[in-house]
């Protein structure tokens, strides 16, 4: 699948052998989640996977493996911009979710 021209939000998933793998997110899903006040990051759907040279990314983007905006024209990347605030927000959301999952529910004996 080739994405039409436009600007997309994605997450740098990994860098292997100098190639960055960026997961492009389904914008409709994100819009629906906002409308429902649902900020669960794990529910974001992946629309496309883009591969590019890691050299295309800023040093900060390579170091943080975070959120980026990507502009595509004729199927080619013309700009990638690291989104620091979105990266920090998602990390905070993920940490909150992890903390919730890590809390132990009360044992049967504790409720009696």
N, C-alpha and C. Protein backbone atom coordinates (compact mmCIF):
# COMPACT_ATOMS: atom_id res chain seq x y z
N UNK A 1 0.85 -1.18 0.00
CA UNK A 1 0.00 0.00 0.00
C UNK A 1 0.89 1.23 0.00
N UNK A 2 0.57 2.17 -0.83
CA UNK A 2 1.31 3.42 -0.88
C UNK A 2 0.41 4.52 -0.33
N UNK A 3 0.97 5.30 0.54
CA UNK A 3 0.21 6.40 1.13
C UNK A 3 0.12 7.56 0.16
N UNK A 4 -1.02 8.25 0.13
CA UNK A 4 -1.12 9.44 -0.71
C UNK A 4 -0.27 10.57 -0.13
N UNK A 5 -0.01 11.57 -0.96
CA UNK A 5 0.74 12.73 -0.49
C UNK A 5 0.08 13.31 0.74
N UNK A 6 0.91 13.78 1.67
CA UNK A 6 0.37 14.38 2.88
C UNK A 6 1.34 14.28 4.03
N UNK A 7 0.90 14.74 5.18
CA UNK A 7 1.69 14.69 6.40
C UNK A 7 1.06 13.68 7.34
N UNK A 8 1.89 12.82 7.88
CA UNK A 8 1.43 11.73 8.73
C UNK A 8 2.17 11.73 10.05
N UNK A 9 1.55 11.12 11.05
CA UNK A 9 2.18 10.93 12.35
C UNK A 9 2.62 9.47 12.43
N UNK A 10 3.82 9.28 12.91
CA UNK A 10 4.33 7.92 13.05
C UNK A 10 5.23 7.80 14.26
N UNK A 11 5.57 6.58 14.56
CA UNK A 11 6.46 6.29 15.68
C UNK A 11 7.65 5.51 15.15
N UNK A 12 8.84 5.94 15.54
CA UNK A 12 10.03 5.20 15.15
C UNK A 12 10.05 3.93 15.99
N UNK A 13 9.86 2.82 15.33
CA UNK A 13 9.76 1.53 16.02
C UNK A 13 11.13 0.97 16.37
N UNK A 14 12.04 1.08 15.41
CA UNK A 14 13.38 0.54 15.62
C UNK A 14 14.31 1.02 14.52
N UNK A 15 15.60 0.86 14.79
CA UNK A 15 16.63 1.12 13.78
C UNK A 15 17.51 -0.12 13.74
N UNK A 16 17.58 -0.73 12.57
CA UNK A 16 18.39 -1.94 12.38
C UNK A 16 19.29 -1.76 11.17
N UNK A 17 20.57 -1.95 11.39
CA UNK A 17 21.55 -1.87 10.31
C UNK A 17 21.41 -0.58 9.50
N UNK A 18 21.19 0.52 10.21
CA UNK A 18 21.12 1.83 9.57
C UNK A 18 19.79 2.15 8.91
N UNK A 19 18.80 1.27 9.06
CA UNK A 19 17.48 1.50 8.48
C UNK A 19 16.48 1.73 9.60
N UNK A 20 15.78 2.87 9.54
CA UNK A 20 14.74 3.19 10.52
C UNK A 20 13.41 2.63 10.04
N UNK A 21 12.68 2.03 10.96
CA UNK A 21 11.34 1.52 10.68
C UNK A 21 10.36 2.43 11.41
N UNK A 22 9.53 3.11 10.63
CA UNK A 22 8.56 4.07 11.18
C UNK A 22 7.16 3.51 10.94
N UNK A 23 6.39 3.41 12.01
CA UNK A 23 5.03 2.91 11.93
C UNK A 23 4.08 4.09 11.80
N UNK A 24 3.41 4.19 10.66
CA UNK A 24 2.47 5.27 10.40
C UNK A 24 1.13 4.88 11.03
N UNK A 25 0.56 5.80 11.79
CA UNK A 25 -0.65 5.51 12.54
C UNK A 25 -1.90 5.89 11.76
N UNK A 26 -2.97 5.20 12.07
CA UNK A 26 -4.26 5.48 11.47
C UNK A 26 -4.84 6.72 12.13
N UNK A 27 -4.88 7.80 11.37
CA UNK A 27 -5.35 9.08 11.92
C UNK A 27 -6.81 9.01 12.34
N UNK A 28 -7.64 8.25 11.64
CA UNK A 28 -9.05 8.14 11.99
C UNK A 28 -9.18 7.53 13.38
N UNK A 29 -8.41 6.53 13.66
CA UNK A 29 -8.47 5.89 14.99
C UNK A 29 -8.12 6.90 16.07
N UNK A 30 -7.08 7.69 15.84
CA UNK A 30 -6.68 8.69 16.82
C UNK A 30 -7.80 9.72 17.02
N UNK A 31 -8.45 10.14 15.95
CA UNK A 31 -9.53 11.11 16.05
C UNK A 31 -10.70 10.52 16.83
N UNK A 32 -11.03 9.26 16.57
CA UNK A 32 -12.10 8.60 17.30
C UNK A 32 -11.76 8.50 18.79
N UNK A 33 -10.51 8.20 19.09
CA UNK A 33 -10.09 8.06 20.49
C UNK A 33 -10.22 9.40 21.21
N UNK A 34 -9.86 10.47 20.54
CA UNK A 34 -9.97 11.79 21.16
C UNK A 34 -11.44 12.11 21.42
N UNK A 35 -12.30 11.82 20.45
CA UNK A 35 -13.72 12.09 20.61
C UNK A 35 -14.31 11.31 21.78
N UNK A 36 -13.76 10.14 22.05
CA UNK A 36 -14.26 9.31 23.14
C UNK A 36 -13.48 9.52 24.43
N UNK A 37 -12.58 10.51 24.45
CA UNK A 37 -11.70 10.74 25.60
C UNK A 37 -10.91 9.48 25.94
N UNK A 38 -10.48 8.79 24.94
CA UNK A 38 -9.74 7.54 25.10
C UNK A 38 -8.30 7.80 24.68
N UNK A 39 -7.38 7.85 25.65
CA UNK A 39 -5.99 8.16 25.33
C UNK A 39 -5.08 6.94 25.41
N UNK A 40 -5.66 5.76 25.28
CA UNK A 40 -4.86 4.54 25.38
C UNK A 40 -3.96 4.42 24.16
N UNK A 41 -2.67 4.52 24.39
CA UNK A 41 -1.72 4.51 23.29
C UNK A 41 -1.66 3.16 22.60
N UNK A 42 -1.89 2.07 23.32
CA UNK A 42 -1.77 0.76 22.70
C UNK A 42 -2.88 0.49 21.71
N UNK A 43 -3.93 1.33 21.69
CA UNK A 43 -5.04 1.14 20.78
C UNK A 43 -4.82 1.82 19.42
N UNK A 44 -3.73 2.53 19.27
CA UNK A 44 -3.47 3.18 17.98
C UNK A 44 -3.21 2.10 16.93
N UNK A 45 -3.88 2.24 15.81
CA UNK A 45 -3.74 1.24 14.76
C UNK A 45 -2.65 1.66 13.78
N UNK A 46 -1.90 0.70 13.32
CA UNK A 46 -0.82 0.96 12.36
C UNK A 46 -1.39 0.86 10.95
N UNK A 47 -1.14 1.90 10.19
CA UNK A 47 -1.65 1.98 8.82
C UNK A 47 -0.62 1.50 7.81
N UNK A 48 0.62 1.82 8.08
CA UNK A 48 1.69 1.53 7.11
C UNK A 48 3.02 1.48 7.85
N UNK A 49 3.95 0.77 7.29
CA UNK A 49 5.32 0.73 7.82
C UNK A 49 6.23 1.32 6.74
N UNK A 50 6.99 2.33 7.14
CA UNK A 50 7.90 2.99 6.20
C UNK A 50 9.34 2.72 6.63
N UNK A 51 10.18 2.45 5.68
CA UNK A 51 11.61 2.26 5.96
C UNK A 51 12.37 3.40 5.31
N UNK A 52 13.35 3.94 6.06
CA UNK A 52 14.20 4.98 5.51
C UNK A 52 15.57 4.89 6.17
N UNK A 53 16.52 5.55 5.59
CA UNK A 53 17.85 5.58 6.18
C UNK A 53 17.79 6.29 7.52
N UNK A 54 18.45 5.73 8.52
CA UNK A 54 18.49 6.37 9.83
C UNK A 54 19.13 7.75 9.74
N UNK A 55 19.99 7.95 8.75
CA UNK A 55 20.63 9.25 8.56
C UNK A 55 19.62 10.34 8.22
N UNK A 56 18.43 9.95 7.76
CA UNK A 56 17.37 10.90 7.44
C UNK A 56 16.81 11.55 8.70
N UNK A 57 16.96 10.86 9.83
CA UNK A 57 16.41 11.33 11.10
C UNK A 57 17.39 12.24 11.81
N UNK A 58 16.87 13.16 12.59
CA UNK A 58 17.74 13.99 13.42
C UNK A 58 18.37 13.09 14.50
N UNK A 59 19.44 13.56 15.08
CA UNK A 59 20.10 12.79 16.13
C UNK A 59 19.14 12.54 17.29
N UNK A 60 18.36 13.55 17.63
CA UNK A 60 17.41 13.41 18.74
C UNK A 60 16.36 12.34 18.43
N UNK A 61 15.86 12.34 17.20
CA UNK A 61 14.88 11.32 16.81
C UNK A 61 15.49 9.93 16.89
N UNK A 62 16.72 9.80 16.45
CA UNK A 62 17.40 8.48 16.52
C UNK A 62 17.61 8.06 17.96
N UNK A 63 17.95 9.01 18.83
CA UNK A 63 18.21 8.68 20.23
C UNK A 63 16.94 8.31 20.98
N UNK A 64 15.85 9.04 20.72
CA UNK A 64 14.62 8.85 21.49
C UNK A 64 13.67 7.80 20.92
N UNK A 65 13.80 7.47 19.64
CA UNK A 65 12.88 6.54 19.00
C UNK A 65 11.43 6.90 19.33
N UNK A 66 11.07 8.14 19.06
CA UNK A 66 9.76 8.64 19.46
C UNK A 66 8.83 8.90 18.30
N UNK A 67 7.99 9.91 18.50
CA UNK A 67 6.96 10.30 17.55
C UNK A 67 7.56 11.28 16.54
N UNK A 68 7.19 11.11 15.28
CA UNK A 68 7.65 12.01 14.22
C UNK A 68 6.48 12.36 13.31
N UNK A 69 6.57 13.51 12.67
CA UNK A 69 5.65 13.81 11.58
C UNK A 69 6.45 13.61 10.29
N UNK A 70 5.79 13.04 9.31
CA UNK A 70 6.45 12.71 8.04
C UNK A 70 5.64 13.30 6.91
N UNK A 71 6.31 14.03 6.04
CA UNK A 71 5.65 14.55 4.85
C UNK A 71 6.06 13.71 3.65
N UNK A 72 5.06 13.22 2.93
CA UNK A 72 5.30 12.40 1.75
C UNK A 72 4.81 13.12 0.50
N UNK A 73 5.62 13.04 -0.56
CA UNK A 73 5.24 13.56 -1.87
C UNK A 73 5.66 12.50 -2.88
N UNK A 74 4.72 12.07 -3.69
CA UNK A 74 4.97 11.02 -4.70
C UNK A 74 5.59 9.78 -4.07
N UNK A 75 5.13 9.43 -2.89
CA UNK A 75 5.61 8.23 -2.21
C UNK A 75 6.98 8.36 -1.58
N UNK A 76 7.57 9.54 -1.66
CA UNK A 76 8.90 9.76 -1.10
C UNK A 76 8.82 10.67 0.13
N UNK A 77 9.69 10.41 1.09
CA UNK A 77 9.76 11.25 2.28
C UNK A 77 10.48 12.54 1.92
N UNK A 78 9.82 13.68 2.15
CA UNK A 78 10.46 14.97 1.89
C UNK A 78 10.85 15.66 3.19
N UNK A 79 10.20 15.26 4.31
CA UNK A 79 10.56 15.87 5.58
C UNK A 79 10.14 14.94 6.72
N UNK A 80 11.02 14.82 7.70
CA UNK A 80 10.69 14.11 8.95
C UNK A 80 11.05 15.04 10.09
N UNK A 81 10.08 15.26 10.97
CA UNK A 81 10.31 16.16 12.10
C UNK A 81 9.98 15.43 13.40
N UNK A 82 10.94 15.43 14.30
CA UNK A 82 10.74 14.81 15.61
C UNK A 82 9.73 15.63 16.41
N UNK A 83 8.80 14.95 17.07
CA UNK A 83 7.76 15.61 17.86
C UNK A 83 8.04 15.36 19.35
N UNK A 84 8.86 16.21 19.94
CA UNK A 84 9.30 16.02 21.32
C UNK A 84 8.15 15.97 22.31
N UNK A 85 7.22 16.90 22.20
CA UNK A 85 6.12 16.97 23.16
C UNK A 85 5.24 15.72 23.06
N UNK A 86 4.93 15.29 21.85
CA UNK A 86 4.11 14.09 21.66
C UNK A 86 4.84 12.86 22.19
N UNK A 87 6.16 12.81 21.98
CA UNK A 87 6.95 11.68 22.48
C UNK A 87 6.88 11.62 24.00
N UNK A 88 7.06 12.75 24.66
CA UNK A 88 7.01 12.78 26.12
C UNK A 88 5.61 12.43 26.63
N UNK A 89 4.58 12.93 25.95
CA UNK A 89 3.20 12.63 26.35
C UNK A 89 2.93 11.13 26.27
N UNK A 90 3.35 10.51 25.19
CA UNK A 90 3.11 9.08 25.03
C UNK A 90 3.90 8.26 26.06
N UNK A 91 5.11 8.69 26.33
CA UNK A 91 5.88 7.98 27.36
C UNK A 91 5.19 8.07 28.71
N UNK A 92 4.66 9.24 29.02
CA UNK A 92 3.94 9.42 30.28
C UNK A 92 2.69 8.54 30.32
N UNK A 93 1.94 8.50 29.22
CA UNK A 93 0.75 7.66 29.14
C UNK A 93 1.11 6.19 29.31
N UNK A 94 2.18 5.77 28.65
CA UNK A 94 2.60 4.37 28.76
C UNK A 94 3.05 4.03 30.17
N UNK A 95 3.75 4.95 30.82
CA UNK A 95 4.19 4.71 32.19
C UNK A 95 2.98 4.61 33.12
N UNK A 96 1.99 5.50 32.93
CA UNK A 96 0.77 5.44 33.74
C UNK A 96 0.06 4.10 33.55
N UNK A 97 -0.02 3.66 32.32
CA UNK A 97 -0.68 2.38 32.05
C UNK A 97 0.09 1.23 32.68
N UNK A 98 1.40 1.26 32.56
CA UNK A 98 2.23 0.22 33.17
C UNK A 98 2.04 0.21 34.68
N UNK A 99 2.03 1.39 35.29
CA UNK A 99 1.83 1.49 36.74
C UNK A 99 0.48 0.91 37.14
N UNK A 100 -0.57 1.20 36.36
CA UNK A 100 -1.90 0.64 36.65
C UNK A 100 -1.87 -0.88 36.59
N UNK A 101 -1.22 -1.41 35.57
CA UNK A 101 -1.16 -2.86 35.41
C UNK A 101 -0.31 -3.52 36.49
N UNK A 102 0.67 -2.79 36.99
CA UNK A 102 1.58 -3.35 37.99
C UNK A 102 0.96 -3.39 39.38
N UNK A 103 -0.09 -2.60 39.62
CA UNK A 103 -0.74 -2.59 40.93
C UNK A 103 -1.47 -3.91 41.12
N UNK A 104 -1.26 -4.50 42.29
CA UNK A 104 -1.92 -5.77 42.58
C UNK A 104 -3.33 -5.51 43.08
N UNK A 105 -4.28 -6.29 42.56
CA UNK A 105 -5.63 -6.16 43.13
C UNK A 105 -5.62 -6.73 44.54
N UNK A 106 -6.51 -6.25 45.38
CA UNK A 106 -6.53 -6.77 46.76
C UNK A 106 -6.82 -8.27 46.75
N UNK A 107 -6.17 -8.97 47.64
CA UNK A 107 -6.40 -10.41 47.77
C UNK A 107 -7.75 -10.67 48.40
N UNK A 108 -8.22 -11.88 48.28
CA UNK A 108 -9.53 -12.23 48.84
C UNK A 108 -9.58 -11.98 50.34
N UNK A 109 -8.49 -12.32 51.01
CA UNK A 109 -8.44 -12.17 52.47
C UNK A 109 -8.43 -10.70 52.89
N UNK A 110 -7.91 -9.83 52.04
CA UNK A 110 -7.81 -8.41 52.39
C UNK A 110 -9.17 -7.73 52.39
N UNK A 111 -10.13 -8.24 51.64
CA UNK A 111 -11.46 -7.64 51.55
C UNK A 111 -12.38 -8.09 52.68
N UNK A 112 -11.99 -9.08 53.44
CA UNK A 112 -12.87 -9.63 54.48
C UNK A 112 -12.55 -9.08 55.83
